[in-house]
Amino acid sequence: MRPSRDRVNLDIAKTVSERATCFRRKVGCVLVNSKGHILSTGYNGVAAGLQHCEGKHKCKGSDSPSGTDLDKCEAVHAEQNALLQCKDVYEIDVCYTTTQPCIHCIKLLLNTSCRIIVFSEAYHHKDAERLWREAGRSMRNITFRD
């Protein structure tokens, strides 16, 4: 059976997430246009030139519970990195990400043409989802069983 476009792009996001250098969480993101073509990908990790948050080096937010102390985490989020790699943010139609975007990433995505966010793992910041939906955009959680 041929996999859906959602399945393929979430699988690609999952593969991209394996490059992440964040100690707390590995996240991948794929941005696609209205024809389903990939515009860019990103994963979370520290900014270029900084020591990866792995092994002995941990940032100040590495031991904080999920969704807290985002300002102490040194990682650039997967969505942010994908946006930095995207040639034209006004071509983005769908954002596929392994984890539901945080409020900071939602605000960035709102300033693009992205209409839909598809994610596979829910994140408990409901203000992010509320803000996205108030702007008339859609979001859906898709989980797959292997």
N, C-alpha and C. Protein backbone atom coordinates (compact mmCIF):
# COMPACT_ATOMS: atom_id res chain seq x y z
N MET A 1 0.84 -1.18 0.00
CA MET A 1 0.00 0.00 0.00
C MET A 1 0.89 1.25 0.00
N ARG A 2 0.55 2.20 -0.83
CA ARG A 2 1.31 3.43 -0.95
C ARG A 2 1.09 4.31 0.28
N PRO A 3 2.18 4.76 0.94
CA PRO A 3 2.00 5.60 2.14
C PRO A 3 1.48 6.99 1.77
N SER A 4 0.74 7.59 2.67
CA SER A 4 0.22 8.93 2.45
C SER A 4 1.35 9.95 2.48
N ARG A 5 1.09 11.11 1.94
CA ARG A 5 2.06 12.21 1.97
C ARG A 5 2.38 12.58 3.42
N ASP A 6 1.35 12.58 4.28
CA ASP A 6 1.58 12.86 5.70
C ASP A 6 2.56 11.86 6.30
N ARG A 7 2.35 10.60 6.00
CA ARG A 7 3.22 9.55 6.55
C ARG A 7 4.66 9.73 6.08
N VAL A 8 4.83 9.97 4.79
CA VAL A 8 6.18 10.13 4.24
C VAL A 8 6.89 11.33 4.87
N ASN A 9 6.20 12.46 4.95
CA ASN A 9 6.85 13.67 5.49
C ASN A 9 7.10 13.57 6.99
N LEU A 10 6.22 12.93 7.73
CA LEU A 10 6.50 12.72 9.15
C LEU A 10 7.65 11.73 9.35
N ASP A 11 7.74 10.73 8.48
CA ASP A 11 8.87 9.80 8.54
C ASP A 11 10.19 10.53 8.24
N ILE A 12 10.15 11.45 7.27
CA ILE A 12 11.35 12.23 6.97
C ILE A 12 11.71 13.11 8.18
N ALA A 13 10.70 13.74 8.78
CA ALA A 13 10.95 14.57 9.98
C ALA A 13 11.56 13.73 11.10
N LYS A 14 11.08 12.52 11.27
CA LYS A 14 11.64 11.62 12.29
C LYS A 14 13.10 11.30 11.99
N THR A 15 13.41 11.03 10.73
CA THR A 15 14.80 10.74 10.35
C THR A 15 15.67 11.97 10.59
N VAL A 16 15.20 13.15 10.20
CA VAL A 16 15.95 14.38 10.41
C VAL A 16 16.20 14.61 11.90
N SER A 17 15.24 14.25 12.74
CA SER A 17 15.37 14.46 14.19
C SER A 17 16.55 13.69 14.79
N GLU A 18 16.98 12.66 14.13
CA GLU A 18 18.11 11.87 14.63
C GLU A 18 19.42 12.66 14.61
N ARG A 19 19.46 13.78 13.88
CA ARG A 19 20.63 14.65 13.84
C ARG A 19 20.65 15.63 15.02
N ALA A 20 19.57 15.71 15.78
CA ALA A 20 19.45 16.68 16.87
C ALA A 20 20.57 16.51 17.89
N THR A 21 20.99 17.64 18.45
CA THR A 21 22.06 17.62 19.46
C THR A 21 21.56 18.05 20.83
N CYS A 22 20.25 18.18 20.99
CA CYS A 22 19.67 18.58 22.27
C CYS A 22 19.59 17.37 23.21
N PHE A 23 19.95 17.57 24.45
CA PHE A 23 19.94 16.51 25.45
C PHE A 23 18.52 16.10 25.83
N ARG A 24 17.59 17.07 25.88
CA ARG A 24 16.23 16.82 26.37
C ARG A 24 15.33 16.13 25.37
N ARG A 25 15.43 16.52 24.11
CA ARG A 25 14.44 16.04 23.14
C ARG A 25 15.02 16.15 21.74
N LYS A 26 14.68 15.18 20.91
CA LYS A 26 15.08 15.21 19.50
C LYS A 26 13.85 15.50 18.66
N VAL A 27 13.90 16.60 17.90
CA VAL A 27 12.76 17.03 17.09
C VAL A 27 13.23 17.26 15.66
N GLY A 28 12.39 16.88 14.71
CA GLY A 28 12.67 17.13 13.30
C GLY A 28 11.50 17.85 12.67
N CYS A 29 11.78 18.62 11.61
CA CYS A 29 10.76 19.40 10.94
C CYS A 29 10.99 19.36 9.44
N VAL A 30 9.89 19.29 8.68
CA VAL A 30 9.92 19.35 7.22
C VAL A 30 8.89 20.37 6.77
N LEU A 31 9.32 21.34 5.96
CA LEU A 31 8.42 22.35 5.42
C LEU A 31 8.18 22.03 3.95
N VAL A 32 6.92 22.01 3.53
CA VAL A 32 6.59 21.67 2.14
C VAL A 32 5.70 22.75 1.53
N ASN A 33 5.73 22.82 0.19
CA ASN A 33 4.88 23.78 -0.50
C ASN A 33 3.55 23.16 -0.88
N SER A 34 2.73 23.90 -1.60
CA SER A 34 1.39 23.42 -1.92
C SER A 34 1.38 22.23 -2.87
N LYS A 35 2.48 21.97 -3.55
CA LYS A 35 2.59 20.80 -4.43
C LYS A 35 3.16 19.59 -3.69
N GLY A 36 3.46 19.78 -2.41
CA GLY A 36 4.00 18.68 -1.62
C GLY A 36 5.51 18.53 -1.73
N HIS A 37 6.18 19.50 -2.35
CA HIS A 37 7.63 19.45 -2.50
C HIS A 37 8.31 19.99 -1.25
N ILE A 38 9.36 19.33 -0.83
CA ILE A 38 10.09 19.75 0.36
C ILE A 38 10.86 21.03 0.07
N LEU A 39 10.65 22.03 0.93
CA LEU A 39 11.35 23.31 0.83
C LEU A 39 12.59 23.32 1.71
N SER A 40 12.46 22.74 2.91
CA SER A 40 13.60 22.70 3.84
C SER A 40 13.30 21.73 4.98
N THR A 41 14.35 21.41 5.71
CA THR A 41 14.24 20.56 6.90
C THR A 41 15.03 21.21 8.02
N GLY A 42 14.76 20.78 9.24
CA GLY A 42 15.52 21.29 10.38
C GLY A 42 15.41 20.33 11.55
N TYR A 43 16.37 20.42 12.44
CA TYR A 43 16.35 19.66 13.68
C TYR A 43 16.81 20.57 14.80
N ASN A 44 16.54 20.20 16.03
CA ASN A 44 16.91 21.06 17.14
C ASN A 44 18.33 20.77 17.62
N GLY A 45 18.99 21.84 17.97
CA GLY A 45 20.36 21.73 18.47
C GLY A 45 20.93 23.10 18.71
N VAL A 46 22.08 23.14 19.36
CA VAL A 46 22.70 24.41 19.69
C VAL A 46 23.12 25.14 18.42
N ALA A 47 23.28 26.44 18.54
CA ALA A 47 23.69 27.27 17.41
C ALA A 47 25.09 26.87 16.94
N ALA A 48 25.35 27.16 15.69
CA ALA A 48 26.65 26.84 15.09
C ALA A 48 27.80 27.40 15.93
N GLY A 49 28.79 26.59 16.12
CA GLY A 49 29.98 27.00 16.86
C GLY A 49 29.93 26.73 18.35
N LEU A 50 28.77 26.33 18.87
CA LEU A 50 28.66 26.02 20.29
C LEU A 50 28.79 24.52 20.51
N GLN A 51 29.18 24.14 21.72
CA GLN A 51 29.35 22.74 22.06
C GLN A 51 27.99 22.05 22.14
N HIS A 52 27.88 20.90 21.53
CA HIS A 52 26.64 20.14 21.56
C HIS A 52 26.26 19.77 22.99
N CYS A 53 24.97 19.74 23.24
CA CYS A 53 24.45 19.41 24.56
C CYS A 53 24.33 17.88 24.67
N GLU A 54 25.45 17.23 24.70
CA GLU A 54 25.50 15.76 24.77
C GLU A 54 26.62 15.37 25.72
N GLY A 55 26.53 14.19 26.24
CA GLY A 55 27.61 13.68 27.09
C GLY A 55 27.81 14.54 28.32
N LYS A 56 29.03 15.01 28.53
CA LYS A 56 29.37 15.78 29.74
C LYS A 56 28.82 17.20 29.70
N HIS A 57 28.69 17.78 28.52
CA HIS A 57 28.18 19.15 28.43
C HIS A 57 26.65 19.14 28.39
N LYS A 58 26.05 19.87 29.31
CA LYS A 58 24.60 20.04 29.33
C LYS A 58 24.30 21.52 29.56
N CYS A 59 23.31 22.04 28.85
CA CYS A 59 22.92 23.43 29.09
C CYS A 59 22.13 23.51 30.40
N LYS A 60 21.84 24.72 30.85
CA LYS A 60 21.13 24.92 32.12
C LYS A 60 19.70 24.40 32.11
N GLY A 61 19.12 24.20 30.94
CA GLY A 61 17.76 23.71 30.85
C GLY A 61 17.64 22.22 30.63
N SER A 62 18.77 21.52 30.57
CA SER A 62 18.76 20.11 30.19
C SER A 62 18.03 19.19 31.16
N ASP A 63 17.97 19.55 32.41
CA ASP A 63 17.32 18.70 33.41
C ASP A 63 15.90 19.17 33.76
N SER A 64 15.43 20.21 33.11
CA SER A 64 14.10 20.75 33.39
C SER A 64 13.03 19.87 32.75
N PRO A 65 11.86 19.82 33.36
CA PRO A 65 10.76 19.05 32.77
C PRO A 65 10.39 19.60 31.38
N SER A 66 9.86 18.74 30.56
CA SER A 66 9.46 19.11 29.22
C SER A 66 8.52 20.32 29.25
N GLY A 67 8.77 21.28 28.37
CA GLY A 67 7.90 22.45 28.27
C GLY A 67 8.22 23.57 29.23
N THR A 68 9.24 23.38 30.08
CA THR A 68 9.61 24.42 31.04
C THR A 68 11.03 24.91 30.75
N ASP A 69 11.34 26.07 31.27
CA ASP A 69 12.68 26.66 31.17
C ASP A 69 13.19 26.73 29.73
N LEU A 70 12.29 27.05 28.80
CA LEU A 70 12.70 27.14 27.40
C LEU A 70 13.79 28.20 27.22
N ASP A 71 13.78 29.24 28.07
CA ASP A 71 14.79 30.28 27.97
C ASP A 71 16.16 29.81 28.46
N LYS A 72 16.22 28.72 29.20
CA LYS A 72 17.51 28.19 29.67
C LYS A 72 18.10 27.18 28.70
N CYS A 73 17.29 26.69 27.80
CA CYS A 73 17.75 25.72 26.81
C CYS A 73 18.53 26.45 25.72
N GLU A 74 19.68 25.94 25.33
CA GLU A 74 20.52 26.58 24.33
C GLU A 74 20.21 26.14 22.91
N ALA A 75 19.28 25.21 22.75
CA ALA A 75 18.98 24.67 21.42
C ALA A 75 18.12 25.64 20.60
N VAL A 76 18.40 25.68 19.31
CA VAL A 76 17.54 26.33 18.34
C VAL A 76 16.54 25.25 17.93
N HIS A 77 15.25 25.57 17.92
CA HIS A 77 14.23 24.56 17.65
C HIS A 77 14.25 24.12 16.19
N ALA A 78 13.75 22.91 15.95
CA ALA A 78 13.73 22.33 14.61
C ALA A 78 12.98 23.22 13.62
N GLU A 79 11.84 23.76 14.04
CA GLU A 79 11.06 24.64 13.16
C GLU A 79 11.84 25.90 12.82
N GLN A 80 12.54 26.45 13.82
CA GLN A 80 13.35 27.65 13.59
C GLN A 80 14.47 27.36 12.59
N ASN A 81 15.14 26.23 12.76
CA ASN A 81 16.21 25.87 11.82
C ASN A 81 15.66 25.62 10.42
N ALA A 82 14.50 24.99 10.31
CA ALA A 82 13.89 24.77 9.00
C ALA A 82 13.53 26.11 8.35
N LEU A 83 13.02 27.05 9.13
CA LEU A 83 12.70 28.37 8.58
C LEU A 83 13.96 29.10 8.12
N LEU A 84 15.04 28.94 8.86
CA LEU A 84 16.31 29.57 8.46
C LEU A 84 16.83 29.00 7.15
N GLN A 85 16.54 27.74 6.88
CA GLN A 85 17.01 27.07 5.66
C GLN A 85 16.07 27.28 4.47
N CYS A 86 14.87 27.79 4.72
CA CYS A 86 13.86 27.93 3.68
C CYS A 86 14.14 29.17 2.83
N LYS A 87 14.22 28.98 1.53
CA LYS A 87 14.53 30.07 0.61
C LYS A 87 13.43 31.13 0.59
N ASP A 88 12.17 30.71 0.65
CA ASP A 88 11.04 31.64 0.60
C ASP A 88 9.94 31.16 1.55
N VAL A 89 9.81 31.82 2.70
CA VAL A 89 8.83 31.40 3.71
C VAL A 89 7.39 31.62 3.25
N TYR A 90 7.21 32.33 2.14
CA TYR A 90 5.86 32.55 1.62
C TYR A 90 5.45 31.46 0.64
N GLU A 91 6.26 30.43 0.51
CA GLU A 91 5.90 29.23 -0.25
C GLU A 91 5.45 28.10 0.66
N ILE A 92 5.64 28.23 1.95
CA ILE A 92 5.32 27.15 2.89
C ILE A 92 3.81 26.95 2.97
N ASP A 93 3.39 25.71 2.80
CA ASP A 93 1.98 25.35 2.92
C ASP A 93 1.74 24.51 4.16
N VAL A 94 2.61 23.50 4.39
CA VAL A 94 2.44 22.59 5.52
C VAL A 94 3.77 22.45 6.26
N CYS A 95 3.67 22.44 7.58
CA CYS A 95 4.82 22.17 8.45
C CYS A 95 4.59 20.80 9.08
N TYR A 96 5.49 19.86 8.80
CA TYR A 96 5.46 18.54 9.42
C TYR A 96 6.53 18.55 10.51
N THR A 97 6.14 18.18 11.71
CA THR A 97 7.10 18.17 12.80
C THR A 97 6.82 17.00 13.74
N THR A 98 7.88 16.46 14.30
CA THR A 98 7.71 15.30 15.17
C THR A 98 7.02 15.66 16.48
N THR A 99 7.15 16.92 16.89
CA THR A 99 6.52 17.39 18.14
C THR A 99 5.75 18.66 17.86
N GLN A 100 4.58 18.79 18.41
CA GLN A 100 3.75 19.98 18.25
C GLN A 100 4.57 21.22 18.61
N PRO A 101 4.55 22.25 17.78
CA PRO A 101 5.39 23.44 18.03
C PRO A 101 5.04 24.19 19.31
N CYS A 102 6.06 24.79 19.90
CA CYS A 102 5.90 25.63 21.08
C CYS A 102 5.36 27.00 20.65
N ILE A 103 5.06 27.84 21.61
CA ILE A 103 4.50 29.16 21.34
C ILE A 103 5.45 30.02 20.51
N HIS A 104 6.76 29.90 20.76
CA HIS A 104 7.74 30.71 20.02
C HIS A 104 7.76 30.32 18.54
N CYS A 105 7.72 29.03 18.27
CA CYS A 105 7.74 28.55 16.88
C CYS A 105 6.42 28.84 16.18
N ILE A 106 5.32 28.76 16.91
CA ILE A 106 4.02 29.11 16.34
C ILE A 106 4.04 30.55 15.86
N LYS A 107 4.55 31.47 16.68
CA LYS A 107 4.58 32.88 16.29
C LYS A 107 5.42 33.08 15.03
N LEU A 108 6.52 32.37 14.92
CA LEU A 108 7.33 32.47 13.70
C LEU A 108 6.58 31.91 12.50
N LEU A 109 5.95 30.76 12.67
CA LEU A 109 5.21 30.15 11.56
C LEU A 109 4.01 30.99 11.13
N LEU A 110 3.42 31.73 12.07
CA LEU A 110 2.31 32.62 11.73
C LEU A 110 2.74 33.73 10.77
N ASN A 111 4.01 34.07 10.78
CA ASN A 111 4.52 35.09 9.87
C ASN A 111 4.99 34.52 8.55
N THR A 112 4.50 33.34 8.21
CA THR A 112 4.77 32.71 6.92
C THR A 112 3.42 32.39 6.27
N SER A 113 3.45 31.74 5.13
CA SER A 113 2.20 31.35 4.48
C SER A 113 1.71 29.97 4.92
N CYS A 114 2.38 29.36 5.89
CA CYS A 114 2.00 28.03 6.37
C CYS A 114 0.55 28.02 6.86
N ARG A 115 -0.23 27.07 6.37
CA ARG A 115 -1.65 26.97 6.72
C ARG A 115 -1.94 25.81 7.66
N ILE A 116 -1.08 24.77 7.59
CA ILE A 116 -1.36 23.52 8.31
C ILE A 116 -0.10 23.06 9.03
N ILE A 117 -0.29 22.60 10.24
CA ILE A 117 0.79 21.93 10.99
C ILE A 117 0.34 20.50 11.24
N VAL A 118 1.19 19.56 10.89
CA VAL A 118 0.93 18.14 11.14
C VAL A 118 2.05 17.66 12.05
N PHE A 119 1.68 17.06 13.18
CA PHE A 119 2.69 16.61 14.14
C PHE A 119 2.34 15.22 14.64
N SER A 120 3.34 14.53 15.20
CA SER A 120 3.09 13.17 15.68
C SER A 120 3.12 13.04 17.20
N GLU A 121 3.64 14.04 17.91
CA GLU A 121 3.68 13.98 19.37
C GLU A 121 3.11 15.28 19.94
N ALA A 122 2.09 15.18 20.77
CA ALA A 122 1.47 16.37 21.36
C ALA A 122 2.41 17.02 22.37
N TYR A 123 2.30 18.33 22.46
CA TYR A 123 3.10 19.14 23.40
C TYR A 123 2.09 19.93 24.22
N HIS A 124 2.30 20.06 25.49
CA HIS A 124 1.25 20.57 26.37
C HIS A 124 1.08 22.09 26.43
N HIS A 125 1.68 22.85 25.55
CA HIS A 125 1.47 24.30 25.53
C HIS A 125 0.23 24.62 24.69
N LYS A 126 -0.92 24.68 25.34
CA LYS A 126 -2.19 24.89 24.64
C LYS A 126 -2.32 26.30 24.08
N ASP A 127 -1.60 27.29 24.65
CA ASP A 127 -1.66 28.64 24.11
C ASP A 127 -1.13 28.69 22.69
N ALA A 128 -0.16 27.86 22.38
CA ALA A 128 0.38 27.82 21.02
C ALA A 128 -0.70 27.36 20.05
N GLU A 129 -1.39 26.29 20.38
CA GLU A 129 -2.45 25.79 19.50
C GLU A 129 -3.60 26.79 19.40
N ARG A 130 -3.95 27.42 20.50
CA ARG A 130 -5.03 28.42 20.50
C ARG A 130 -4.68 29.58 19.56
N LEU A 131 -3.47 30.08 19.65
CA LEU A 131 -3.03 31.19 18.81
C LEU A 131 -3.07 30.81 17.33
N TRP A 132 -2.61 29.60 17.02
CA TRP A 132 -2.60 29.11 15.64
C TRP A 132 -4.03 29.04 15.08
N ARG A 133 -4.93 28.47 15.86
CA ARG A 133 -6.31 28.31 15.40
C ARG A 133 -7.05 29.64 15.33
N GLU A 134 -6.73 30.57 16.24
CA GLU A 134 -7.35 31.91 16.19
C GLU A 134 -7.00 32.63 14.89
N ALA A 135 -5.85 32.29 14.31
CA ALA A 135 -5.42 32.89 13.05
C ALA A 135 -6.08 32.19 11.86
N GLY A 136 -6.97 31.23 12.12
CA GLY A 136 -7.70 30.54 11.06
C GLY A 136 -6.91 29.45 10.38
N ARG A 137 -5.91 28.92 11.07
CA ARG A 137 -5.08 27.87 10.49
C ARG A 137 -5.38 26.55 11.18
N SER A 138 -5.02 25.46 10.54
CA SER A 138 -5.36 24.15 11.10
C SER A 138 -4.13 23.39 11.58
N MET A 139 -4.40 22.48 12.49
CA MET A 139 -3.35 21.67 13.10
C MET A 139 -3.92 20.30 13.35
N ARG A 140 -3.12 19.26 13.08
CA ARG A 140 -3.63 17.92 13.37
C ARG A 140 -2.51 17.02 13.87
N ASN A 141 -2.92 16.15 14.76
CA ASN A 141 -2.01 15.17 15.37
C ASN A 141 -2.23 13.85 14.67
N ILE A 142 -1.17 13.32 14.09
CA ILE A 142 -1.25 12.03 13.41
C ILE A 142 -0.19 11.11 14.02
N THR A 143 -0.64 10.01 14.56
CA THR A 143 0.30 9.01 15.05
C THR A 143 0.14 7.76 14.21
N PHE A 144 1.23 7.09 14.00
CA PHE A 144 1.24 5.91 13.15
C PHE A 144 1.68 4.71 13.97
N ARG A 145 1.10 3.60 13.65
CA ARG A 145 1.53 2.33 14.26
C ARG A 145 2.37 1.61 13.21
N ASP A 146 3.53 1.19 13.61
CA ASP A 146 4.40 0.45 12.68
C ASP A 146 4.01 -0.99 12.58
